[in-house]
Protein backbone atom coordinates (compact mmCIF):
# COMPACT_ATOMS: atom_id res chain seq x y z
CA MET A 1 127.03 120.84 138.51
CA ALA A 2 123.53 119.38 137.94
CA HIS A 3 124.64 116.02 139.32
CA LEU A 4 125.68 117.63 142.60
CA VAL A 5 122.15 118.90 143.23
CA ALA A 6 120.69 115.41 142.78
CA ASN A 7 122.74 113.70 145.47
CA GLN A 8 123.42 114.27 149.18
CA MET A 9 125.23 117.59 148.94
CA MET A 10 123.45 120.41 150.73
CA ASP A 11 126.05 123.12 150.01
CA PHE A 12 128.97 123.08 147.66
CA ILE A 13 131.87 125.54 147.28
CA LYS A 14 134.16 125.00 144.32
CA PHE A 15 137.60 126.59 144.67
CA ASP A 16 138.96 125.76 141.24
CA ASP A 17 138.23 123.29 138.47
CA ASN A 18 138.87 120.26 140.66
CA PHE A 19 138.74 121.05 144.40
CA ALA A 20 135.68 121.76 146.56
CA ILE A 21 134.19 121.63 150.04
CA ALA A 22 130.70 120.25 150.54
CA ARG A 23 128.16 120.05 153.36
CA MET A 24 126.21 116.78 153.24
CA LEU A 25 124.57 113.95 155.12
CA PRO A 26 126.97 111.08 155.76
CA PRO A 27 127.01 108.10 153.40
CA ARG A 28 125.76 104.86 154.98
CA ASP A 29 129.20 103.25 154.97
CA VAL A 30 130.55 105.81 157.48
CA VAL A 31 127.55 105.96 159.84
CA GLY A 32 128.22 104.54 163.29
CA ARG A 33 131.97 104.54 162.74
CA THR A 34 134.75 106.90 163.76
CA ILE A 35 136.76 108.87 161.22
CA ASP A 36 139.69 106.56 161.94
CA GLN A 37 137.57 103.45 161.31
CA CYS A 38 135.98 104.60 158.06
CA ARG A 39 139.24 106.04 156.63
CA PRO A 40 137.58 108.46 154.19
CA ARG A 41 140.88 109.75 152.82
CA SER A 42 142.32 106.36 151.90
CA ARG A 43 139.01 104.75 150.85
CA HIS A 44 137.26 107.68 149.12
CA LYS A 45 140.02 110.28 148.59
CA VAL A 46 138.12 112.88 150.66
CA ASN A 47 138.65 114.45 154.07
CA ILE A 48 135.87 114.85 156.62
CA VAL A 49 136.86 118.13 158.25
CA GLY A 50 133.82 118.98 160.36
CA ILE A 51 130.72 117.40 161.82
CA LYS A 52 127.44 118.74 163.24
CA PRO A 53 125.31 116.39 165.32
CA PRO A 54 121.61 117.39 165.51
CA GLY A 55 121.04 120.28 167.92
CA GLN A 56 124.76 120.88 168.42
CA PRO A 57 127.27 123.23 166.79
CA PHE A 58 129.80 122.17 164.16
CA HIS A 59 133.16 120.95 165.49
CA TYR A 60 136.36 119.75 163.87
CA ALA A 61 136.44 116.07 162.99
CA GLU A 62 139.08 114.14 164.92
CA PRO A 63 140.19 110.52 164.34
CA ASP A 64 137.96 109.36 167.22
CA THR A 65 134.90 111.39 166.12
CA SER A 66 131.91 109.09 165.60
CA ILE A 67 129.52 109.84 162.73
CA GLY A 68 125.78 109.55 163.32
CA ALA A 69 123.11 108.97 160.67
CA GLU A 70 121.57 112.41 161.21
CA ASP A 71 124.85 114.32 161.45
CA VAL A 72 125.81 116.88 158.85
CA ILE A 73 129.42 116.59 157.70
CA ILE A 74 131.80 118.97 155.95
CA VAL A 75 133.93 117.16 153.40
CA SER A 76 136.78 118.40 151.17
CA GLY A 77 138.31 116.87 148.09
CA HIS A 78 138.29 116.74 144.32
CA VAL A 79 134.85 117.27 142.80
CA ARG A 80 134.51 113.77 141.32
CA ASP A 81 135.63 112.15 144.59
CA LEU A 82 133.08 114.21 146.53
CA GLU A 83 130.33 113.16 144.12
CA ARG A 84 131.26 109.48 144.46
CA PHE A 85 131.45 109.77 148.25
CA ALA A 86 128.02 111.44 148.42
CA ASP A 87 126.52 108.82 146.11
CA HIS A 88 127.44 106.05 148.58
CA SER A 89 124.54 107.10 150.77
CA GLY A 90 121.63 105.70 148.80
CA ARG A 91 119.44 108.34 150.50
CA LYS A 92 117.23 111.05 149.08
CA ARG A 93 117.28 114.56 150.53
């Protein structure tokens, strides 16, 4: 779990040995795009299930939901896939 602390994940809930949900800042390759455009499930094997723009509440991510650079996203998937997805950001928390 030490690797998870070093990357973009703010919160991390592990449900079993392989599956988790994480709260994180969006990786650069999804910023400015909709969920449908960035295709996180087919490209990264993760699902973006929720999004929180600054100063607004969380809401469910829809195919036409656009992701901003300062948004917080909720992502589900296998632990290794979540780590790889978070590492695409190139940012430091």
